Amino acid sequence: MHATILDAATGETMAADLPEAHRLALAAEAAATRPGRERMARNAPILAALAAIDARTVRPLRAILAAQAAGLPPGDDVARLAALQAEADSLRAGLAS
């Protein structure tokens, strides 16, 4: 198997013949990392949605803390925070492991 090797120090490339053992090792490594890349691709939209939910929790949480500090009931913010938590929990269940 022919391979192109990059010399990191000089930036030059050179062609080389790889022994069969190296070719098999490279093929095994590629096969082993493919599922990880596929899992990351499947999880990316879910992780983005989870990040958006985290951002949306800031306002109700801040309102709850302000109400507590003022000795007032938190109003609808607790329910809103619980709904966001339930949405996040549902998304986390869909993450591929």
PDB file of N, CA and C in Angstrom:
ATOM      1  N   MET A   1       0.850  -1.172   0.000  1.00  0.00           N
ATOM      2  CA  MET A   1       0.000   0.000   0.000  1.00  0.00           C
ATOM      3  C   MET A   1       0.895   1.234   0.000  1.00  0.00           C
ATOM      4  N   HIS A   2       0.563   2.165  -0.846  1.00  0.00           N
ATOM      5  CA  HIS A   2       1.309   3.421  -0.908  1.00  0.00           C
ATOM      6  C   HIS A   2       0.669   4.421   0.049  1.00  0.00           C
ATOM      7  N   ALA A   3       1.490   5.227   0.659  1.00  0.00           N
ATOM      8  CA  ALA A   3       1.006   6.259   1.574  1.00  0.00           C
ATOM      9  C   ALA A   3       1.787   7.530   1.320  1.00  0.00           C
ATOM     10  N   THR A   4       1.148   8.636   1.586  1.00  0.00           N
ATOM     11  CA  THR A   4       1.830   9.921   1.529  1.00  0.00           C
ATOM     12  C   THR A   4       2.104  10.340   2.958  1.00  0.00           C
ATOM     13  N   ILE A   5       3.342  10.644   3.248  1.00  0.00           N
ATOM     14  CA  ILE A   5       3.755  11.003   4.602  1.00  0.00           C
ATOM     15  C   ILE A   5       4.127  12.475   4.618  1.00  0.00           C
ATOM     16  N   LEU A   6       3.642  13.191   5.605  1.00  0.00           N
ATOM     17  CA  LEU A   6       3.935  14.616   5.760  1.00  0.00           C
ATOM     18  C   LEU A   6       4.992  14.784   6.832  1.00  0.00           C
ATOM     19  N   ASP A   7       6.061  15.473   6.501  1.00  0.00           N
ATOM     20  CA  ASP A   7       7.092  15.820   7.477  1.00  0.00           C
ATOM     21  C   ASP A   7       6.631  17.100   8.160  1.00  0.00           C
ATOM     22  N   ALA A   8       6.225  16.992   9.408  1.00  0.00           N
ATOM     23  CA  ALA A   8       5.672  18.141  10.129  1.00  0.00           C
ATOM     24  C   ALA A   8       6.691  19.254  10.312  1.00  0.00           C
ATOM     25  N   ALA A   9       7.944  18.923  10.390  1.00  0.00           N
ATOM     26  CA  ALA A   9       8.978  19.940  10.601  1.00  0.00           C
ATOM     27  C   ALA A   9       9.210  20.782   9.355  1.00  0.00           C
ATOM     28  N   THR A  10       9.184  20.130   8.187  1.00  0.00           N
ATOM     29  CA  THR A  10       9.504  20.858   6.955  1.00  0.00           C
ATOM     30  C   THR A  10       8.284  21.146   6.099  1.00  0.00           C
ATOM     31  N   GLY A  11       7.190  20.431   6.329  1.00  0.00           N
ATOM     32  CA  GLY A  11       5.996  20.594   5.507  1.00  0.00           C
ATOM     33  C   GLY A  11       6.072  19.840   4.194  1.00  0.00           C
ATOM     34  N   GLU A  12       7.136  19.081   3.982  1.00  0.00           N
ATOM     35  CA  GLU A  12       7.305  18.325   2.744  1.00  0.00           C
ATOM     36  C   GLU A  12       6.567  16.997   2.835  1.00  0.00           C
ATOM     37  N   THR A  13       6.107  16.522   1.684  1.00  0.00           N
ATOM     38  CA  THR A  13       5.463  15.217   1.628  1.00  0.00           C
ATOM     39  C   THR A  13       6.347  14.259   0.856  1.00  0.00           C
ATOM     40  N   MET A  14       6.194  12.977   1.171  1.00  0.00           N
ATOM     41  CA  MET A  14       6.945  11.956   0.450  1.00  0.00           C
ATOM     42  C   MET A  14       6.076  10.715   0.349  1.00  0.00           C
ATOM     43  N   ALA A  15       6.300   9.950  -0.702  1.00  0.00           N
ATOM     44  CA  ALA A  15       5.566   8.707  -0.898  1.00  0.00           C
ATOM     45  C   ALA A  15       6.336   7.577  -0.235  1.00  0.00           C
ATOM     46  N   ALA A  16       5.602   6.628   0.312  1.00  0.00           N
ATOM     47  CA  ALA A  16       6.246   5.482   0.952  1.00  0.00           C
ATOM     48  C   ALA A  16       5.354   4.263   0.786  1.00  0.00           C
ATOM     49  N   ASP A  17       5.973   3.103   0.757  1.00  0.00           N
ATOM     50  CA  ASP A  17       5.230   1.849   0.746  1.00  0.00           C
ATOM     51  C   ASP A  17       5.080   1.380   2.187  1.00  0.00           C
ATOM     52  N   LEU A  18       3.856   1.084   2.577  1.00  0.00           N
ATOM     53  CA  LEU A  18       3.612   0.609   3.938  1.00  0.00           C
ATOM     54  C   LEU A  18       3.606  -0.911   3.960  1.00  0.00           C
ATOM     55  N   PRO A  19       4.191  -1.504   4.978  1.00  0.00           N
ATOM     56  CA  PRO A  19       4.106  -2.955   5.129  1.00  0.00           C
ATOM     57  C   PRO A  19       2.650  -3.373   5.367  1.00  0.00           C
ATOM     58  N   GLU A  20       2.361  -4.619   5.091  1.00  0.00           N
ATOM     59  CA  GLU A  20       1.003  -5.152   5.251  1.00  0.00           C
ATOM     60  C   GLU A  20       0.477  -4.930   6.669  1.00  0.00           C
ATOM     61  N   ALA A  21       1.307  -5.097   7.674  1.00  0.00           N
ATOM     62  CA  ALA A  21       0.864  -4.914   9.065  1.00  0.00           C
ATOM     63  C   ALA A  21       0.393  -3.485   9.305  1.00  0.00           C
ATOM     64  N   HIS A  22       1.094  -2.513   8.737  1.00  0.00           N
ATOM     65  CA  HIS A  22       0.676  -1.117   8.902  1.00  0.00           C
ATOM     66  C   HIS A  22      -0.627  -0.850   8.173  1.00  0.00           C
ATOM     67  N   ARG A  23      -0.777  -1.438   6.986  1.00  0.00           N
ATOM     68  CA  ARG A  23      -2.005  -1.253   6.224  1.00  0.00           C
ATOM     69  C   ARG A  23      -3.189  -1.804   7.008  1.00  0.00           C
ATOM     70  N   LEU A  24      -3.026  -2.985   7.593  1.00  0.00           N
ATOM     71  CA  LEU A  24      -4.097  -3.586   8.387  1.00  0.00           C
ATOM     72  C   LEU A  24      -4.399  -2.753   9.633  1.00  0.00           C
ATOM     73  N   ALA A  25      -3.361  -2.220  10.256  1.00  0.00           N
ATOM     74  CA  ALA A  25      -3.564  -1.387  11.446  1.00  0.00           C
ATOM     75  C   ALA A  25      -4.326  -0.117  11.089  1.00  0.00           C
ATOM     76  N   LEU A  26      -3.987   0.504   9.959  1.00  0.00           N
ATOM     77  CA  LEU A  26      -4.699   1.713   9.531  1.00  0.00           C
ATOM     78  C   LEU A  26      -6.154   1.406   9.207  1.00  0.00           C
ATOM     79  N   ALA A  27      -6.401   0.274   8.553  1.00  0.00           N
ATOM     80  CA  ALA A  27      -7.775  -0.111   8.231  1.00  0.00           C
ATOM     81  C   ALA A  27      -8.576  -0.372   9.503  1.00  0.00           C
ATOM     82  N   ALA A  28      -7.962  -1.020  10.476  1.00  0.00           N
ATOM     83  CA  ALA A  28      -8.647  -1.286  11.746  1.00  0.00           C
ATOM     84  C   ALA A  28      -8.949   0.005  12.485  1.00  0.00           C
ATOM     85  N   GLU A  29      -8.002   0.944  12.467  1.00  0.00           N
ATOM     86  CA  GLU A  29      -8.219   2.230  13.137  1.00  0.00           C
ATOM     87  C   GLU A  29      -9.352   3.000  12.473  1.00  0.00           C
ATOM     88  N   ALA A  30      -9.376   2.998  11.145  1.00  0.00           N
ATOM     89  CA  ALA A  30     -10.443   3.700  10.424  1.00  0.00           C
ATOM     90  C   ALA A  30     -11.798   3.084  10.740  1.00  0.00           C
ATOM     91  N   ALA A  31     -11.860   1.759  10.799  1.00  0.00           N
ATOM     92  CA  ALA A  31     -13.121   1.088  11.112  1.00  0.00           C
ATOM     93  C   ALA A  31     -13.559   1.373  12.543  1.00  0.00           C
ATOM     94  N   ALA A  32     -12.603   1.480  13.451  1.00  0.00           N
ATOM     95  CA  ALA A  32     -12.940   1.726  14.859  1.00  0.00           C
ATOM     96  C   ALA A  32     -13.420   3.148  15.089  1.00  0.00           C
ATOM     97  N   THR A  33     -12.891   4.112  14.352  1.00  0.00           N
ATOM     98  CA  THR A  33     -13.282   5.508  14.590  1.00  0.00           C
ATOM     99  C   THR A  33     -14.536   5.902  13.828  1.00  0.00           C
ATOM    100  N   ARG A  34     -14.923   5.161  12.801  1.00  0.00           N
ATOM    101  CA  ARG A  34     -16.113   5.495  12.019  1.00  0.00           C
ATOM    102  C   ARG A  34     -17.372   5.550  12.888  1.00  0.00           C
ATOM    103  N   PRO A  35     -17.633   4.554  13.747  1.00  0.00           N
ATOM    104  CA  PRO A  35     -18.834   4.641  14.586  1.00  0.00           C
ATOM    105  C   PRO A  35     -18.828   5.865  15.504  1.00  0.00           C
ATOM    106  N   GLY A  36     -17.662   6.241  15.996  1.00  0.00           N
ATOM    107  CA  GLY A  36     -17.578   7.427  16.852  1.00  0.00           C
ATOM    108  C   GLY A  36     -17.948   8.690  16.101  1.00  0.00           C
ATOM    109  N   ARG A  37     -17.478   8.798  14.859  1.00  0.00           N
ATOM    110  CA  ARG A  37     -17.825   9.974  14.048  1.00  0.00           C
ATOM    111  C   ARG A  37     -19.310   9.979  13.720  1.00  0.00           C
ATOM    112  N   GLU A  38     -19.862   8.806  13.416  1.00  0.00           N
ATOM    113  CA  GLU A  38     -21.294   8.718  13.110  1.00  0.00           C
ATOM    114  C   GLU A  38     -22.129   9.083  14.336  1.00  0.00           C
ATOM    115  N   ARG A  39     -21.714   8.614  15.508  1.00  0.00           N
ATOM    116  CA  ARG A  39     -22.432   8.934  16.745  1.00  0.00           C
ATOM    117  C   ARG A  39     -22.376  10.433  17.013  1.00  0.00           C
ATOM    118  N   MET A  40     -21.210  11.039  16.803  1.00  0.00           N
ATOM    119  CA  MET A  40     -21.086  12.485  17.012  1.00  0.00           C
ATOM    120  C   MET A  40     -21.991  13.244  16.051  1.00  0.00           C
ATOM    121  N   ALA A  41     -22.093  12.779  14.814  1.00  0.00           N
ATOM    122  CA  ALA A  41     -22.958  13.445  13.833  1.00  0.00           C
ATOM    123  C   ALA A  41     -24.424  13.318  14.230  1.00  0.00           C
ATOM    124  N   ARG A  42     -24.825  12.152  14.744  1.00  0.00           N
ATOM    125  CA  ARG A  42     -26.221  11.970  15.186  1.00  0.00           C
ATOM    126  C   ARG A  42     -26.525  12.812  16.417  1.00  0.00           C
ATOM    127  N   ASN A  43     -25.548  12.939  17.304  1.00  0.00           N
ATOM    128  CA  ASN A  43     -25.770  13.664  18.559  1.00  0.00           C
ATOM    129  C   ASN A  43     -25.680  15.176  18.415  1.00  0.00           C
ATOM    130  N   ALA A  44     -25.032  15.670  17.379  1.00  0.00           N
ATOM    131  CA  ALA A  44     -24.794  17.115  17.244  1.00  0.00           C
ATOM    132  C   ALA A  44     -26.071  17.950  17.326  1.00  0.00           C
ATOM    133  N   PRO A  45     -27.156  17.607  16.604  1.00  0.00           N
ATOM    134  CA  PRO A  45     -28.363  18.437  16.718  1.00  0.00           C
ATOM    135  C   PRO A  45     -28.984  18.380  18.114  1.00  0.00           C
ATOM    136  N   ILE A  46     -28.890  17.228  18.759  1.00  0.00           N
ATOM    137  CA  ILE A  46     -29.446  17.099  20.113  1.00  0.00           C
ATOM    138  C   ILE A  46     -28.633  17.944  21.082  1.00  0.00           C
ATOM    139  N   LEU A  47     -27.315  17.898  20.959  1.00  0.00           N
ATOM    140  CA  LEU A  47     -26.463  18.701  21.841  1.00  0.00           C
ATOM    141  C   LEU A  47     -26.691  20.192  21.620  1.00  0.00           C
ATOM    142  N   ALA A  48     -26.943  20.590  20.376  1.00  0.00           N
ATOM    143  CA  ALA A  48     -27.245  21.999  20.092  1.00  0.00           C
ATOM    144  C   ALA A  48     -28.566  22.398  20.738  1.00  0.00           C
ATOM    145  N   ALA A  49     -29.562  21.521  20.662  1.00  0.00           N
ATOM    146  CA  ALA A  49     -30.856  21.810  21.292  1.00  0.00           C
ATOM    147  C   ALA A  49     -30.709  21.889  22.809  1.00  0.00           C
ATOM    148  N   LEU A  50     -29.885  21.020  23.387  1.00  0.00           N
ATOM    149  CA  LEU A  50     -29.650  21.072  24.838  1.00  0.00           C
ATOM    150  C   LEU A  50     -28.969  22.379  25.241  1.00  0.00           C
ATOM    151  N   ALA A  51     -28.041  22.846  24.436  1.00  0.00           N
ATOM    152  CA  ALA A  51     -27.379  24.122  24.727  1.00  0.00           C
ATOM    153  C   ALA A  51     -28.382  25.271  24.659  1.00  0.00           C
ATOM    154  N   ALA A  52     -29.297  25.207  23.696  1.00  0.00           N
ATOM    155  CA  ALA A  52     -30.322  26.254  23.584  1.00  0.00           C
ATOM    156  C   ALA A  52     -31.251  26.231  24.792  1.00  0.00           C
ATOM    157  N   ILE A  53     -31.595  25.044  25.255  1.00  0.00           N
ATOM    158  CA  ILE A  53     -32.444  24.936  26.453  1.00  0.00           C
ATOM    159  C   ILE A  53     -31.715  25.514  27.654  1.00  0.00           C
ATOM    160  N   ASP A  54     -30.442  25.190  27.799  1.00  0.00           N
ATOM    161  CA  ASP A  54     -29.663  25.751  28.908  1.00  0.00           C
ATOM    162  C   ASP A  54     -29.706  27.273  28.885  1.00  0.00           C
ATOM    163  N   ALA A  55     -29.586  27.845  27.703  1.00  0.00           N
ATOM    164  CA  ALA A  55     -29.627  29.310  27.589  1.00  0.00           C
ATOM    165  C   ALA A  55     -31.004  29.853  27.975  1.00  0.00           C
ATOM    166  N   ARG A  56     -32.061  29.109  27.632  1.00  0.00           N
ATOM    167  CA  ARG A  56     -33.421  29.577  27.948  1.00  0.00           C
ATOM    168  C   ARG A  56     -33.767  29.429  29.427  1.00  0.00           C
ATOM    169  N   THR A  57     -32.982  28.677  30.187  1.00  0.00           N
ATOM    170  CA  THR A  57     -33.272  28.520  31.616  1.00  0.00           C
ATOM    171  C   THR A  57     -32.794  29.706  32.443  1.00  0.00           C
ATOM    172  N   VAL A  58     -31.947  30.533  31.882  1.00  0.00           N
ATOM    173  CA  VAL A  58     -31.354  31.635  32.646  1.00  0.00           C
ATOM    174  C   VAL A  58     -32.415  32.614  33.144  1.00  0.00           C
ATOM    175  N   ARG A  59     -33.311  33.060  32.266  1.00  0.00           N
ATOM    176  CA  ARG A  59     -34.289  34.069  32.654  1.00  0.00           C
ATOM    177  C   ARG A  59     -35.239  33.569  33.742  1.00  0.00           C
ATOM    178  N   PRO A  60     -35.864  32.374  33.588  1.00  0.00           N
ATOM    179  CA  PRO A  60     -36.748  31.934  34.670  1.00  0.00           C
ATOM    180  C   PRO A  60     -36.006  31.678  35.981  1.00  0.00           C
ATOM    181  N   LEU A  61     -34.800  31.167  35.894  1.00  0.00           N
ATOM    182  CA  LEU A  61     -34.034  30.932  37.119  1.00  0.00           C
ATOM    183  C   LEU A  61     -33.702  32.246  37.808  1.00  0.00           C
ATOM    184  N   ARG A  62     -33.323  33.237  37.021  1.00  0.00           N
ATOM    185  CA  ARG A  62     -33.026  34.557  37.591  1.00  0.00           C
ATOM    186  C   ARG A  62     -34.278  35.143  38.244  1.00  0.00           C
ATOM    187  N   ALA A  63     -35.433  34.973  37.612  1.00  0.00           N
ATOM    188  CA  ALA A  63     -36.683  35.486  38.172  1.00  0.00           C
ATOM    189  C   ALA A  63     -37.042  34.761  39.470  1.00  0.00           C
ATOM    190  N   ILE A  64     -36.809  33.462  39.512  1.00  0.00           N
ATOM    191  CA  ILE A  64     -37.083  32.693  40.733  1.00  0.00           C
ATOM    192  C   ILE A  64     -36.193  33.182  41.871  1.00  0.00           C
ATOM    193  N   LEU A  65     -34.913  33.350  41.591  1.00  0.00           N
ATOM    194  CA  LEU A  65     -33.988  33.819  42.629  1.00  0.00           C
ATOM    195  C   LEU A  65     -34.337  35.230  43.099  1.00  0.00           C
ATOM    196  N   ALA A  66     -34.735  36.090  42.172  1.00  0.00           N
ATOM    197  CA  ALA A  66     -35.122  37.451  42.552  1.00  0.00           C
ATOM    198  C   ALA A  66     -36.373  37.431  43.415  1.00  0.00           C
ATOM    199  N   ALA A  67     -37.335  36.578  43.069  1.00  0.00           N
ATOM    200  CA  ALA A  67     -38.556  36.473  43.866  1.00  0.00           C
ATOM    201  C   ALA A  67     -38.239  35.946  45.262  1.00  0.00           C
ATOM    202  N   GLN A  68     -37.383  34.942  45.348  1.00  0.00           N
ATOM    203  CA  GLN A  68     -36.992  34.407  46.654  1.00  0.00           C
ATOM    204  C   GLN A  68     -36.300  35.476  47.489  1.00  0.00           C
ATOM    205  N   ALA A  69     -35.412  36.225  46.873  1.00  0.00           N
ATOM    206  CA  ALA A  69     -34.693  37.273  47.607  1.00  0.00           C
ATOM    207  C   ALA A  69     -35.643  38.347  48.109  1.00  0.00           C
ATOM    208  N   ALA A  70     -36.708  38.591  47.353  1.00  0.00           N
ATOM    209  CA  ALA A  70     -37.684  39.614  47.746  1.00  0.00           C
ATOM    210  C   ALA A  70     -38.772  39.050  48.650  1.00  0.00           C
ATOM    211  N   GLY A  71     -38.737  37.742  48.905  1.00  0.00           N
ATOM    212  CA  GLY A  71     -39.748  37.123  49.747  1.00  0.00           C
ATOM    213  C   GLY A  71     -41.085  36.959  49.041  1.00  0.00           C
ATOM    214  N   LEU A  72     -41.071  36.896  47.724  1.00  0.00           N
ATOM    215  CA  LEU A  72     -42.292  36.779  46.933  1.00  0.00           C
ATOM    216  C   LEU A  72     -42.392  35.383  46.324  1.00  0.00           C
ATOM    217  N   PRO A  73     -43.608  34.968  45.954  1.00  0.00           N
ATOM    218  CA  PRO A  73     -43.737  33.678  45.269  1.00  0.00           C
ATOM    219  C   PRO A  73     -43.140  33.778  43.855  1.00  0.00           C
ATOM    220  N   PRO A  74     -42.577  32.696  43.357  1.00  0.00           N
ATOM    221  CA  PRO A  74     -41.892  32.759  42.069  1.00  0.00           C
ATOM    222  C   PRO A  74     -42.813  32.803  40.851  1.00  0.00           C
ATOM    223  N   GLY A  75     -44.084  32.597  41.021  1.00  0.00           N
ATOM    224  CA  GLY A  75     -45.006  32.686  39.892  1.00  0.00           C
ATOM    225  C   GLY A  75     -44.846  31.525  38.928  1.00  0.00           C
ATOM    226  N   ASP A  76     -45.021  31.814  37.651  1.00  0.00           N
ATOM    227  CA  ASP A  76     -44.997  30.785  36.612  1.00  0.00           C
ATOM    228  C   ASP A  76     -43.588  30.324  36.254  1.00  0.00           C
ATOM    229  N   ASP A  77     -42.589  30.968  36.791  1.00  0.00           N
ATOM    230  CA  ASP A  77     -41.212  30.648  36.408  1.00  0.00           C
ATOM    231  C   ASP A  77     -40.788  29.247  36.830  1.00  0.00           C
ATOM    232  N   VAL A  78     -41.313  28.762  37.947  1.00  0.00           N
ATOM    233  CA  VAL A  78     -40.968  27.402  38.382  1.00  0.00           C
ATOM    234  C   VAL A  78     -41.510  26.391  37.377  1.00  0.00           C
ATOM    235  N   ALA A  79     -42.743  26.601  36.930  1.00  0.00           N
ATOM    236  CA  ALA A  79     -43.333  25.697  35.942  1.00  0.00           C
ATOM    237  C   ALA A  79     -42.557  25.761  34.624  1.00  0.00           C
ATOM    238  N   ARG A  80     -42.152  26.961  34.229  1.00  0.00           N
ATOM    239  CA  ARG A  80     -41.384  27.117  32.991  1.00  0.00           C
ATOM    240  C   ARG A  80     -40.039  26.398  33.106  1.00  0.00           C
ATOM    241  N   LEU A  81     -39.384  26.530  34.237  1.00  0.00           N
ATOM    242  CA  LEU A  81     -38.105  25.855  34.451  1.00  0.00           C
ATOM    243  C   LEU A  81     -38.286  24.331  34.448  1.00  0.00           C
ATOM    244  N   ALA A  82     -39.363  23.853  35.059  1.00  0.00           N
ATOM    245  CA  ALA A  82     -39.642  22.413  35.075  1.00  0.00           C
ATOM    246  C   ALA A  82     -39.904  21.892  33.660  1.00  0.00           C
ATOM    247  N   ALA A  83     -40.613  22.681  32.850  1.00  0.00           N
ATOM    248  CA  ALA A  83     -40.885  22.275  31.470  1.00  0.00           C
ATOM    249  C   ALA A  83     -39.587  22.199  30.666  1.00  0.00           C
ATOM    250  N   LEU A  84     -38.712  23.162  30.864  1.00  0.00           N
ATOM    251  CA  LEU A  84     -37.424  23.138  30.172  1.00  0.00           C
ATOM    252  C   LEU A  84     -36.593  21.932  30.612  1.00  0.00           C
ATOM    253  N   GLN A  85     -36.640  21.614  31.899  1.00  0.00           N
ATOM    254  CA  GLN A  85     -35.904  20.453  32.407  1.00  0.00           C
ATOM    255  C   GLN A  85     -36.454  19.164  31.805  1.00  0.00           C
ATOM    256  N   ALA A  86     -37.781  19.059  31.714  1.00  0.00           N
ATOM    257  CA  ALA A  86     -38.390  17.867  31.122  1.00  0.00           C
ATOM    258  C   ALA A  86     -38.000  17.732  29.650  1.00  0.00           C
ATOM    259  N   GLU A  87     -37.977  18.848  28.938  1.00  0.00           N
ATOM    260  CA  GLU A  87     -37.572  18.838  27.531  1.00  0.00           C
ATOM    261  C   GLU A  87     -36.116  18.381  27.401  1.00  0.00           C
ATOM    262  N   ALA A  88     -35.258  18.885  28.269  1.00  0.00           N
ATOM    263  CA  ALA A  88     -33.846  18.500  28.239  1.00  0.00           C
ATOM    264  C   ALA A  88     -33.680  17.019  28.577  1.00  0.00           C
ATOM    265  N   ASP A  89     -34.419  16.538  29.566  1.00  0.00           N
ATOM    266  CA  ASP A  89     -34.335  15.123  29.936  1.00  0.00           C
ATOM    267  C   ASP A  89     -34.750  14.228  28.773  1.00  0.00           C
ATOM    268  N   SER A  90     -35.798  14.636  28.064  1.00  0.00           N
ATOM    269  CA  SER A  90     -36.267  13.872  26.912  1.00  0.00           C
ATOM    270  C   SER A  90     -35.205  13.835  25.814  1.00  0.00           C
ATOM    271  N   LEU A  91     -34.574  14.965  25.566  1.00  0.00           N
ATOM    272  CA  LEU A  91     -33.517  15.011  24.554  1.00  0.00           C
ATOM    273  C   LEU A  91     -32.317  14.167  24.963  1.00  0.00           C
ATOM    274  N   ARG A  92     -31.945  14.224  26.229  1.00  0.00           N
ATOM    275  CA  ARG A  92     -30.791  13.443  26.702  1.00  0.00           C
ATOM    276  C   ARG A  92     -31.029  11.948  26.516  1.00  0.00           C
ATOM    277  N   ALA A  93     -32.284  11.526  26.661  1.00  0.00           N
ATOM    278  CA  ALA A  93     -32.605  10.110  26.469  1.00  0.00           C
ATOM    279  C   ALA A  93     -32.365   9.683  25.022  1.00  0.00           C
ATOM    280  N   GLY A  94     -32.410  10.640  24.096  1.00  0.00           N
ATOM    281  CA  GLY A  94     -32.194  10.327  22.692  1.00  0.00           C
ATOM    282  C   GLY A  94     -30.750  10.362  22.247  1.00  0.00           C
ATOM    283  N   LEU A  95     -29.849  10.716  23.147  1.00  0.00           N
ATOM    284  CA  LEU A  95     -28.431  10.750  22.777  1.00  0.00           C
ATOM    285  C   LEU A  95     -27.928   9.339  22.520  1.00  0.00           C
ATOM    286  N   ALA A  96     -27.233   9.165  21.415  1.00  0.00           N
ATOM    287  CA  ALA A  96     -26.641   7.865  21.099  1.00  0.00           C
ATOM    288  C   ALA A  96     -25.360   7.702  21.897  1.00  0.00           C
ATOM    289  N   SER A  97     -25.211   6.538  22.483  1.00  0.00           N
ATOM    290  CA  SER A  97     -23.989   6.304  23.262  1.00  0.00           C
ATOM    291  C   SER A  97     -23.115   5.282  22.593  1.00  0.00           C
TER     292      SER A  97
END
